[in-house]
Full PDB file with SEQRES, HELIX, SHEET, SSBOND, CRYST1, ORIGX, SCALE, CONECT and MASTER records, all heavy atoms in Angstrom:
SEQRES   1 A   37  ILE SER GLY LEU GLN ILE PRO ALA SER VAL PRO TRP PHE          
SEQRES   2 A   37  GLN ASP ALA VAL ASN ALA TYR ASN GLN VAL CYS GLN LEU          
SEQRES   3 A   37  TYR GLU LYS LEU SER GLY GLN GLY PHE GLN GLN                  
HELIX    1 AA1 SER A    2  LEU A    4  5                                   3    
HELIX    2 AA2 PRO A   11  PHE A   13  5                                   3    
HELIX    3 AA3 GLN A   14  GLN A   36  1                                  23    
CRYST1    1.000    1.000    1.000  90.00  90.00  90.00 P 1           1          
ORIGX1      1.000000  0.000000  0.000000        0.00000                         
ORIGX2      0.000000  1.000000  0.000000        0.00000                         
ORIGX3      0.000000  0.000000  1.000000        0.00000                         
SCALE1      1.000000  0.000000  0.000000        0.00000                         
SCALE2      0.000000  1.000000  0.000000        0.00000                         
SCALE3      0.000000  0.000000  1.000000        0.00000                         
ATOM      1  N   ILE A   1      20.162  -7.564 134.083  1.00  0.00           N  
ATOM      2  CA  ILE A   1      18.784  -7.111 133.899  1.00  0.00           C  
ATOM      3  C   ILE A   1      17.871  -7.702 134.971  1.00  0.00           C  
ATOM      4  O   ILE A   1      16.995  -7.027 135.491  1.00  0.00           O  
ATOM      5  CB  ILE A   1      18.267  -7.491 132.493  1.00  0.00           C  
ATOM      6  CG1 ILE A   1      18.966  -6.646 131.435  1.00  0.00           C  
ATOM      7  CG2 ILE A   1      16.764  -7.335 132.382  1.00  0.00           C  
ATOM      8  CD1 ILE A   1      18.649  -5.182 131.480  1.00  0.00           C  
ATOM      9  N   SER A   2      18.083  -8.955 135.315  1.00  0.00           N  
ATOM     10  CA  SER A   2      17.199  -9.578 136.309  1.00  0.00           C  
ATOM     11  C   SER A   2      17.286  -8.848 137.648  1.00  0.00           C  
ATOM     12  O   SER A   2      16.317  -8.809 138.396  1.00  0.00           O  
ATOM     13  CB  SER A   2      17.532 -11.060 136.477  1.00  0.00           C  
ATOM     14  OG  SER A   2      18.807 -11.217 137.066  1.00  0.00           O  
ATOM     15  N   GLY A   3      18.431  -8.237 137.945  1.00  0.00           N  
ATOM     16  CA  GLY A   3      18.575  -7.498 139.184  1.00  0.00           C  
ATOM     17  C   GLY A   3      17.998  -6.096 139.147  1.00  0.00           C  
ATOM     18  O   GLY A   3      17.973  -5.403 140.168  1.00  0.00           O  
ATOM     19  N   LEU A   4      17.540  -5.653 138.001  1.00  0.00           N  
ATOM     20  CA  LEU A   4      17.008  -4.298 137.865  1.00  0.00           C  
ATOM     21  C   LEU A   4      15.504  -4.206 138.092  1.00  0.00           C  
ATOM     22  O   LEU A   4      14.949  -3.110 138.068  1.00  0.00           O  
ATOM     23  CB  LEU A   4      17.342  -3.730 136.481  1.00  0.00           C  
ATOM     24  CG  LEU A   4      18.826  -3.505 136.196  1.00  0.00           C  
ATOM     25  CD1 LEU A   4      19.010  -3.015 134.761  1.00  0.00           C  
ATOM     26  CD2 LEU A   4      19.420  -2.512 137.180  1.00  0.00           C  
ATOM     27  N   GLN A   5      14.857  -5.333 138.280  1.00  0.00           N  
ATOM     28  CA  GLN A   5      13.413  -5.295 138.493  1.00  0.00           C  
ATOM     29  C   GLN A   5      13.094  -4.620 139.825  1.00  0.00           C  
ATOM     30  O   GLN A   5      13.869  -4.687 140.780  1.00  0.00           O  
ATOM     31  CB  GLN A   5      12.831  -6.696 138.433  1.00  0.00           C  
ATOM     32  CG  GLN A   5      12.955  -7.298 137.045  1.00  0.00           C  
ATOM     33  CD  GLN A   5      12.245  -8.605 136.931  1.00  0.00           C  
ATOM     34  OE1 GLN A   5      11.155  -8.772 137.458  1.00  0.00           O  
ATOM     35  NE2 GLN A   5      12.857  -9.552 136.235  1.00  0.00           N  
ATOM     36  N   ILE A   6      11.956  -3.974 139.865  1.00  0.00           N  
ATOM     37  CA  ILE A   6      11.535  -3.212 141.041  1.00  0.00           C  
ATOM     38  C   ILE A   6      10.439  -3.983 141.767  1.00  0.00           C  
ATOM     39  O   ILE A   6       9.463  -4.413 141.150  1.00  0.00           O  
ATOM     40  CB  ILE A   6      10.988  -1.830 140.615  1.00  0.00           C  
ATOM     41  CG1 ILE A   6      12.059  -1.042 139.869  1.00  0.00           C  
ATOM     42  CG2 ILE A   6      10.471  -1.063 141.817  1.00  0.00           C  
ATOM     43  CD1 ILE A   6      11.535   0.236 139.232  1.00  0.00           C  
ATOM     44  N   PRO A   7      10.594  -4.161 143.066  1.00  0.00           N  
ATOM     45  CA  PRO A   7       9.507  -4.797 143.812  1.00  0.00           C  
ATOM     46  C   PRO A   7       8.268  -3.893 143.814  1.00  0.00           C  
ATOM     47  O   PRO A   7       8.388  -2.673 143.950  1.00  0.00           O  
ATOM     48  CB  PRO A   7      10.070  -4.967 145.224  1.00  0.00           C  
ATOM     49  CG  PRO A   7      11.383  -4.282 145.260  1.00  0.00           C  
ATOM     50  CD  PRO A   7      11.725  -3.823 143.886  1.00  0.00           C  
ATOM     51  N   ALA A   8       7.144  -4.486 143.619  1.00  0.00           N  
ATOM     52  CA  ALA A   8       5.894  -3.721 143.549  1.00  0.00           C  
ATOM     53  C   ALA A   8       5.355  -3.497 144.961  1.00  0.00           C  
ATOM     54  O   ALA A   8       4.539  -4.254 145.456  1.00  0.00           O  
ATOM     55  CB  ALA A   8       4.883  -4.458 142.683  1.00  0.00           C  
ATOM     56  N   SER A   9       5.817  -2.426 145.594  1.00  0.00           N  
ATOM     57  CA  SER A   9       5.402  -2.172 146.965  1.00  0.00           C  
ATOM     58  C   SER A   9       4.529  -0.923 147.118  1.00  0.00           C  
ATOM     59  O   SER A   9       3.943  -0.714 148.165  1.00  0.00           O  
ATOM     60  CB  SER A   9       6.631  -2.052 147.877  1.00  0.00           C  
ATOM     61  OG  SER A   9       7.450  -1.007 147.422  1.00  0.00           O  
ATOM     62  N   VAL A  10       4.475  -0.096 146.080  1.00  0.00           N  
ATOM     63  CA  VAL A  10       3.668   1.128 146.151  1.00  0.00           C  
ATOM     64  C   VAL A  10       2.485   0.970 145.198  1.00  0.00           C  
ATOM     65  O   VAL A  10       2.651   0.976 143.984  1.00  0.00           O  
ATOM     66  CB  VAL A  10       4.517   2.367 145.757  1.00  0.00           C  
ATOM     67  CG1 VAL A  10       3.705   3.631 145.878  1.00  0.00           C  
ATOM     68  CG2 VAL A  10       5.775   2.436 146.607  1.00  0.00           C  
ATOM     69  N   PRO A  11       1.283   0.827 145.738  1.00  0.00           N  
ATOM     70  CA  PRO A  11       0.117   0.497 144.884  1.00  0.00           C  
ATOM     71  C   PRO A  11      -0.190   1.522 143.796  1.00  0.00           C  
ATOM     72  O   PRO A  11      -0.606   1.149 142.715  1.00  0.00           O  
ATOM     73  CB  PRO A  11      -1.047   0.396 145.866  1.00  0.00           C  
ATOM     74  CG  PRO A  11      -0.505   0.612 147.218  1.00  0.00           C  
ATOM     75  CD  PRO A  11       0.942   0.926 147.133  1.00  0.00           C  
ATOM     76  N   TRP A  12       0.013   2.804 144.008  1.00  0.00           N  
ATOM     77  CA  TRP A  12      -0.362   3.782 142.993  1.00  0.00           C  
ATOM     78  C   TRP A  12       0.610   3.826 141.820  1.00  0.00           C  
ATOM     79  O   TRP A  12       0.321   4.418 140.794  1.00  0.00           O  
ATOM     80  CB  TRP A  12      -0.587   5.172 143.585  1.00  0.00           C  
ATOM     81  CG  TRP A  12       0.541   5.710 144.422  1.00  0.00           C  
ATOM     82  CD1 TRP A  12       1.619   6.383 143.990  1.00  0.00           C  
ATOM     83  CD2 TRP A  12       0.693   5.595 145.826  1.00  0.00           C  
ATOM     84  NE1 TRP A  12       2.441   6.701 145.022  1.00  0.00           N  
ATOM     85  CE2 TRP A  12       1.887   6.227 146.184  1.00  0.00           C  
ATOM     86  CE3 TRP A  12      -0.072   5.004 146.850  1.00  0.00           C  
ATOM     87  CZ2 TRP A  12       2.344   6.290 147.493  1.00  0.00           C  
ATOM     88  CZ3 TRP A  12       0.385   5.084 148.143  1.00  0.00           C  
ATOM     89  CH2 TRP A  12       1.582   5.718 148.451  1.00  0.00           C  
ATOM     90  N   PHE A  13       1.759   3.183 141.959  1.00  0.00           N  
ATOM     91  CA  PHE A  13       2.700   3.063 140.840  1.00  0.00           C  
ATOM     92  C   PHE A  13       2.726   1.644 140.269  1.00  0.00           C  
ATOM     93  O   PHE A  13       3.579   1.304 139.463  1.00  0.00           O  
ATOM     94  CB  PHE A  13       4.130   3.432 141.280  1.00  0.00           C  
ATOM     95  CG  PHE A  13       4.314   4.881 141.572  1.00  0.00           C  
ATOM     96  CD1 PHE A  13       4.586   5.308 142.865  1.00  0.00           C  
ATOM     97  CD2 PHE A  13       4.196   5.829 140.569  1.00  0.00           C  
ATOM     98  CE1 PHE A  13       4.761   6.646 143.144  1.00  0.00           C  
ATOM     99  CE2 PHE A  13       4.372   7.180 140.842  1.00  0.00           C  
ATOM    100  CZ  PHE A  13       4.648   7.593 142.137  1.00  0.00           C  
ATOM    101  N   GLN A  14       1.777   0.839 140.683  1.00  0.00           N  
ATOM    102  CA  GLN A  14       1.764  -0.575 140.335  1.00  0.00           C  
ATOM    103  C   GLN A  14       1.801  -0.810 138.818  1.00  0.00           C  
ATOM    104  O   GLN A  14       2.562  -1.655 138.344  1.00  0.00           O  
ATOM    105  CB  GLN A  14       0.537  -1.258 140.943  1.00  0.00           C  
ATOM    106  CG  GLN A  14       0.521  -2.757 140.803  1.00  0.00           C  
ATOM    107  CD  GLN A  14       1.611  -3.417 141.626  1.00  0.00           C  
ATOM    108  OE1 GLN A  14       1.861  -3.014 142.761  1.00  0.00           O  
ATOM    109  NE2 GLN A  14       2.268  -4.398 141.065  1.00  0.00           N  
ATOM    110  N   ASP A  15       0.995  -0.094 138.068  1.00  0.00           N  
ATOM    111  CA  ASP A  15       0.947  -0.301 136.611  1.00  0.00           C  
ATOM    112  C   ASP A  15       2.285   0.023 135.952  1.00  0.00           C  
ATOM    113  O   ASP A  15       2.772  -0.723 135.094  1.00  0.00           O  
ATOM    114  CB  ASP A  15      -0.164   0.535 135.969  1.00  0.00           C  
ATOM    115  CG  ASP A  15      -1.547   0.035 136.326  1.00  0.00           C  
ATOM    116  OD1 ASP A  15      -1.668  -1.159 136.714  1.00  0.00           O  
ATOM    117  OD2 ASP A  15      -2.506   0.825 136.226  1.00  0.00           O  
ATOM    118  N   ALA A  16       2.894   1.118 136.358  1.00  0.00           N  
ATOM    119  CA  ALA A  16       4.189   1.495 135.779  1.00  0.00           C  
ATOM    120  C   ALA A  16       5.268   0.492 136.166  1.00  0.00           C  
ATOM    121  O   ALA A  16       6.095   0.104 135.339  1.00  0.00           O  
ATOM    122  CB  ALA A  16       4.579   2.901 136.239  1.00  0.00           C  
ATOM    123  N   VAL A  17       5.253   0.066 137.416  1.00  0.00           N  
ATOM    124  CA  VAL A  17       6.245  -0.914 137.885  1.00  0.00           C  
ATOM    125  C   VAL A  17       6.054  -2.239 137.157  1.00  0.00           C  
ATOM    126  O   VAL A  17       7.030  -2.867 136.719  1.00  0.00           O  
ATOM    127  CB  VAL A  17       6.162  -1.092 139.422  1.00  0.00           C  
ATOM    128  CG1 VAL A  17       6.978  -2.288 139.890  1.00  0.00           C  
ATOM    129  CG2 VAL A  17       6.611   0.177 140.127  1.00  0.00           C  
ATOM    130  N   ASN A  18       4.813  -2.668 136.986  1.00  0.00           N  
ATOM    131  CA  ASN A  18       4.547  -3.917 136.268  1.00  0.00           C  
ATOM    132  C   ASN A  18       5.040  -3.848 134.822  1.00  0.00           C  
ATOM    133  O   ASN A  18       5.654  -4.792 134.322  1.00  0.00           O  
ATOM    134  CB  ASN A  18       3.057  -4.252 136.293  1.00  0.00           C  
ATOM    135  CG  ASN A  18       2.600  -4.773 137.638  1.00  0.00           C  
ATOM    136  OD1 ASN A  18       3.414  -5.174 138.470  1.00  0.00           O  
ATOM    137  ND2 ASN A  18       1.301  -4.749 137.867  1.00  0.00           N  
ATOM    138  N   ALA A  19       4.780  -2.728 134.160  1.00  0.00           N  
ATOM    139  CA  ALA A  19       5.228  -2.564 132.767  1.00  0.00           C  
ATOM    140  C   ALA A  19       6.757  -2.590 132.695  1.00  0.00           C  
ATOM    141  O   ALA A  19       7.337  -3.255 131.834  1.00  0.00           O  
ATOM    142  CB  ALA A  19       4.681  -1.266 132.188  1.00  0.00           C  
ATOM    143  N   TYR A  20       7.396  -1.880 133.602  1.00  0.00           N  
ATOM    144  CA  TYR A  20       8.864  -1.862 133.643  1.00  0.00           C  
ATOM    145  C   TYR A  20       9.420  -3.262 133.883  1.00  0.00           C  
ATOM    146  O   TYR A  20      10.346  -3.699 133.202  1.00  0.00           O  
ATOM    147  CB  TYR A  20       9.325  -0.902 134.747  1.00  0.00           C  
ATOM    148  CG  TYR A  20      10.814  -0.958 135.004  1.00  0.00           C  
ATOM    149  CD1 TYR A  20      11.696  -0.287 134.168  1.00  0.00           C  
ATOM    150  CD2 TYR A  20      11.324  -1.698 136.064  1.00  0.00           C  
ATOM    151  CE1 TYR A  20      13.070  -0.339 134.393  1.00  0.00           C  
ATOM    152  CE2 TYR A  20      12.691  -1.755 136.293  1.00  0.00           C  
ATOM    153  CZ  TYR A  20      13.558  -1.080 135.458  1.00  0.00           C  
ATOM    154  OH  TYR A  20      14.906  -1.149 135.683  1.00  0.00           O  
ATOM    155  N   ASN A  21       8.831  -3.975 134.836  1.00  0.00           N  
ATOM    156  CA  ASN A  21       9.309  -5.330 135.139  1.00  0.00           C  
ATOM    157  C   ASN A  21       9.094  -6.282 133.967  1.00  0.00           C  
ATOM    158  O   ASN A  21       9.920  -7.165 133.709  1.00  0.00           O  
ATOM    159  CB  ASN A  21       8.651  -5.860 136.405  1.00  0.00           C  
ATOM    160  CG  ASN A  21       9.220  -5.234 137.662  1.00  0.00           C  
ATOM    161  OD1 ASN A  21      10.315  -4.664 137.645  1.00  0.00           O  
ATOM    162  ND2 ASN A  21       8.480  -5.309 138.758  1.00  0.00           N  
ATOM    163  N   GLN A  22       8.001  -6.103 133.231  1.00  0.00           N  
ATOM    164  CA  GLN A  22       7.765  -6.934 132.053  1.00  0.00           C  
ATOM    165  C   GLN A  22       8.826  -6.678 130.990  1.00  0.00           C  
ATOM    166  O   GLN A  22       9.300  -7.613 130.337  1.00  0.00           O  
ATOM    167  CB  GLN A  22       6.364  -6.686 131.487  1.00  0.00           C  
ATOM    168  CG  GLN A  22       5.267  -7.281 132.337  1.00  0.00           C  
ATOM    169  CD  GLN A  22       3.882  -6.898 131.826  1.00  0.00           C  
ATOM    170  OE1 GLN A  22       3.722  -6.016 130.987  1.00  0.00           O  
ATOM    171  NE2 GLN A  22       2.864  -7.579 132.353  1.00  0.00           N  
ATOM    172  N   VAL A  23       9.213  -5.434 130.799  1.00  0.00           N  
ATOM    173  CA  VAL A  23      10.273  -5.107 129.845  1.00  0.00           C  
ATOM    174  C   VAL A  23      11.582  -5.747 130.301  1.00  0.00           C  
ATOM    175  O   VAL A  23      12.327  -6.322 129.497  1.00  0.00           O  
ATOM    176  CB  VAL A  23      10.423  -3.576 129.668  1.00  0.00           C  
ATOM    177  CG1 VAL A  23      11.692  -3.230 128.902  1.00  0.00           C  
ATOM    178  CG2 VAL A  23       9.198  -3.011 128.969  1.00  0.00           C  
ATOM    179  N   CYS A  24      11.881  -5.652 131.592  1.00  0.00           N  
ATOM    180  CA  CYS A  24      13.094  -6.281 132.128  1.00  0.00           C  
ATOM    181  C   CYS A  24      13.086  -7.787 131.873  1.00  0.00           C  
ATOM    182  O   CYS A  24      14.092  -8.362 131.453  1.00  0.00           O  
ATOM    183  CB  CYS A  24      13.228  -6.016 133.626  1.00  0.00           C  
ATOM    184  SG  CYS A  24      13.727  -4.338 134.038  1.00  0.00           S  
ATOM    185  N   GLN A  25      11.963  -8.425 132.147  1.00  0.00           N  
ATOM    186  CA  GLN A  25      11.861  -9.876 131.936  1.00  0.00           C  
ATOM    187  C   GLN A  25      12.047 -10.240 130.471  1.00  0.00           C  
ATOM    188  O   GLN A  25      12.730 -11.212 130.144  1.00  0.00           O  
ATOM    189  CB  GLN A  25      10.518 -10.385 132.447  1.00  0.00           C  
ATOM    190  CG  GLN A  25      10.393 -10.354 133.957  1.00  0.00           C  
ATOM    191  CD  GLN A  25       8.973 -10.615 134.446  1.00  0.00           C  
ATOM    192  OE1 GLN A  25       8.066 -10.815 133.649  1.00  0.00           O  
ATOM    193  NE2 GLN A  25       8.786 -10.574 135.750  1.00  0.00           N  
ATOM    194  N   LEU A  26      11.445  -9.466 129.578  1.00  0.00           N  
ATOM    195  CA  LEU A  26      11.580  -9.736 128.142  1.00  0.00           C  
ATOM    196  C   LEU A  26      13.027  -9.553 127.705  1.00  0.00           C  
ATOM    197  O   LEU A  26      13.581 -10.397 126.993  1.00  0.00           O  
ATOM    198  CB  LEU A  26      10.671  -8.809 127.334  1.00  0.00           C  
ATOM    199  CG  LEU A  26      10.778  -8.934 125.812  1.00  0.00           C  
ATOM    200  CD1 LEU A  26      10.383 -10.340 125.361  1.00  0.00           C  
ATOM    201  CD2 LEU A  26       9.935  -7.877 125.127  1.00  0.00           C  
ATOM    202  N   TYR A  27      13.667  -8.475 128.131  1.00  0.00           N  
ATOM    203  CA  TYR A  27      15.053  -8.228 127.748  1.00  0.00           C  
ATOM    204  C   TYR A  27      15.975  -9.298 128.317  1.00  0.00           C  
ATOM    205  O   TYR A  27      16.910  -9.754 127.663  1.00  0.00           O  
ATOM    206  CB  TYR A  27      15.495  -6.834 128.184  1.00  0.00           C  
ATOM    207  CG  TYR A  27      16.742  -6.398 127.479  1.00  0.00           C  
ATOM    208  CD1 TYR A  27      16.695  -5.861 126.196  1.00  0.00           C  
ATOM    209  CD2 TYR A  27      17.978  -6.558 128.072  1.00  0.00           C  
ATOM    210  CE1 TYR A  27      17.846  -5.483 125.543  1.00  0.00           C  
ATOM    211  CE2 TYR A  27      19.146  -6.180 127.426  1.00  0.00           C  
ATOM    212  CZ  TYR A  27      19.071  -5.646 126.166  1.00  0.00           C  
ATOM    213  OH  TYR A  27      20.216  -5.280 125.517  1.00  0.00           O  
ATOM    214  N   GLU A  28      15.693  -9.732 129.537  1.00  0.00           N  
ATOM    215  CA  GLU A  28      16.480 -10.814 130.141  1.00  0.00           C  
ATOM    216  C   GLU A  28      16.349 -12.090 129.314  1.00  0.00           C  
ATOM    217  O   GLU A  28      17.342 -12.758 129.016  1.00  0.00           O  
ATOM    218  CB  GLU A  28      16.011 -11.058 131.574  1.00  0.00           C  
ATOM    219  CG  GLU A  28      16.750 -12.176 132.276  1.00  0.00           C  
ATOM    220  CD  GLU A  28      16.209 -12.438 133.672  1.00  0.00           C  
ATOM    221  OE1 GLU A  28      15.176 -11.876 134.061  1.00  0.00           O  
ATOM    222  OE2 GLU A  28      16.836 -13.260 134.368  1.00  0.00           O  
ATOM    223  N   LYS A  29      15.135 -12.407 128.918  1.00  0.00           N  
ATOM    224  CA  LYS A  29      14.890 -13.603 128.108  1.00  0.00           C  
ATOM    225  C   LYS A  29      15.599 -13.504 126.753  1.00  0.00           C  
ATOM    226  O   LYS A  29      16.290 -14.438 126.333  1.00  0.00           O  
ATOM    227  CB  LYS A  29      13.387 -13.791 127.896  1.00  0.00           C  
ATOM    228  CG  LYS A  29      13.022 -14.941 126.995  1.00  0.00           C  
ATOM    229  CD  LYS A  29      11.531 -15.005 126.759  1.00  0.00           C  
ATOM    230  CE  LYS A  29      11.193 -16.040 125.714  1.00  0.00           C  
ATOM    231  NZ  LYS A  29       9.779 -16.008 125.339  1.00  0.00           N  
ATOM    232  N   LEU A  30      15.450 -12.367 126.078  1.00  0.00           N  
ATOM    233  CA  LEU A  30      16.045 -12.205 124.743  1.00  0.00           C  
ATOM    234  C   LEU A  30      17.565 -12.193 124.796  1.00  0.00           C  
ATOM    235  O   LEU A  30      18.221 -12.774 123.931  1.00  0.00           O  
ATOM    236  CB  LEU A  30      15.515 -10.932 124.082  1.00  0.00           C  
ATOM    237  CG  LEU A  30      14.026 -10.941 123.728  1.00  0.00           C  
ATOM    238  CD1 LEU A  30      13.600  -9.590 123.178  1.00  0.00           C  
ATOM    239  CD2 LEU A  30      13.691 -12.061 122.765  1.00  0.00           C  
ATOM    240  N   SER A  31      18.137 -11.547 125.800  1.00  0.00           N  
ATOM    241  CA  SER A  31      19.593 -11.531 125.885  1.00  0.00           C  
ATOM    242  C   SER A  31      20.127 -12.916 126.256  1.00  0.00           C  
ATOM    243  O   SER A  31      21.194 -13.313 125.800  1.00  0.00           O  
ATOM    244  CB  SER A  31      20.091 -10.459 126.862  1.00  0.00           C  
ATOM    245  OG  SER A  31      19.557 -10.644 128.141  1.00  0.00           O  
ATOM    246  N   GLY A  32      19.367 -13.675 127.033  1.00  0.00           N  
ATOM    247  CA  GLY A  32      19.748 -15.063 127.322  1.00  0.00           C  
ATOM    248  C   GLY A  32      19.732 -15.913 126.057  1.00  0.00           C  
ATOM    249  O   GLY A  32      20.630 -16.719 125.821  1.00  0.00           O  
ATOM    250  N   GLN A  33      18.716 -15.707 125.229  1.00  0.00           N  
ATOM    251  CA  GLN A  33      18.648 -16.425 123.955  1.00  0.00           C  
ATOM    252  C   GLN A  33      19.773 -15.984 123.029  1.00  0.00           C  
ATOM    253  O   GLN A  33      20.349 -16.796 122.307  1.00  0.00           O  
ATOM    254  CB  GLN A  33      17.292 -16.190 123.286  1.00  0.00           C  
ATOM    255  CG  GLN A  33      16.149 -16.867 123.990  1.00  0.00           C  
ATOM    256  CD  GLN A  33      14.791 -16.470 123.419  1.00  0.00           C  
ATOM    257  OE1 GLN A  33      14.664 -15.514 122.655  1.00  0.00           O  
ATOM    258  NE2 GLN A  33      13.762 -17.195 123.809  1.00  0.00           N  
ATOM    259  N   GLY A  34      20.086 -14.698 123.061  1.00  0.00           N  
ATOM    260  CA  GLY A  34      21.196 -14.189 122.258  1.00  0.00           C  
ATOM    261  C   GLY A  34      22.502 -14.846 122.655  1.00  0.00           C  
ATOM    262  O   GLY A  34      23.313 -15.227 121.803  1.00  0.00           O  
ATOM    263  N   PHE A  35      22.715 -14.999 123.955  1.00  0.00           N  
ATOM    264  CA  PHE A  35      23.913 -15.682 124.448  1.00  0.00           C  
ATOM    265  C   PHE A  35      23.993 -17.091 123.865  1.00  0.00           C  
ATOM    266  O   PHE A  35      25.040 -17.502 123.349  1.00  0.00           O  
ATOM    267  CB  PHE A  35      23.899 -15.753 125.980  1.00  0.00           C  
ATOM    268  CG  PHE A  35      24.892 -16.739 126.527  1.00  0.00           C  
ATOM    269  CD1 PHE A  35      26.239 -16.435 126.593  1.00  0.00           C  
ATOM    270  CD2 PHE A  35      24.478 -17.991 126.953  1.00  0.00           C  
ATOM    271  CE1 PHE A  35      27.163 -17.354 127.081  1.00  0.00           C  
ATOM    272  CE2 PHE A  35      25.389 -18.909 127.447  1.00  0.00           C  
ATOM    273  CZ  PHE A  35      26.733 -18.594 127.508  1.00  0.00           C  
ATOM    274  N   GLN A  36      22.897 -17.825 123.941  1.00  0.00           N  
ATOM    275  CA  GLN A  36      22.891 -19.208 123.444  1.00  0.00           C  
ATOM    276  C   GLN A  36      23.193 -19.267 121.947  1.00  0.00           C  
ATOM    277  O   GLN A  36      23.977 -20.108 121.499  1.00  0.00           O  
ATOM    278  CB  GLN A  36      21.549 -19.877 123.740  1.00  0.00           C  
ATOM    279  CG  GLN A  36      21.313 -20.099 125.218  1.00  0.00           C  
ATOM    280  CD  GLN A  36      19.902 -20.573 125.517  1.00  0.00           C  
ATOM    281  OE1 GLN A  36      19.028 -20.563 124.650  1.00  0.00           O  
ATOM    282  NE2 GLN A  36      19.680 -20.975 126.754  1.00  0.00           N  
ATOM    283  N   GLN A  37      22.583 -18.388 121.172  1.00  0.00           N  
ATOM    284  CA  GLN A  37      22.792 -18.397 119.728  1.00  0.00           C  
ATOM    285  C   GLN A  37      24.224 -17.989 119.364  1.00  0.00           C  
ATOM    286  O   GLN A  37      24.846 -18.599 118.492  1.00  0.00           O  
ATOM    287  CB  GLN A  37      21.786 -17.465 119.044  1.00  0.00           C  
ATOM    288  CG  GLN A  37      20.358 -17.939 119.135  1.00  0.00           C  
ATOM    289  CD  GLN A  37      20.151 -19.295 118.492  1.00  0.00           C  
ATOM    290  OE1 GLN A  37      20.660 -19.572 117.413  1.00  0.00           O  
ATOM    291  NE2 GLN A  37      19.422 -20.166 119.158  1.00  0.00           N  
TER     292      GLN A  37                                                      
MASTER        0    0    0    3    0    0    0    6  291    1    0    3          
END                                                                             
C-alpha cells in the first residue's frame, strides 16, 4: 500500500490525490496494526 501513493504533481487533481493518499496511509497503518495483533 505504501508504494501505491501518488505524488502530487498536478495541481488541479491535488484534492483527489490527497484524499487517495490519505486512504492509502490509513490502510497502511491499519494493516500494519493488523499484522502486529
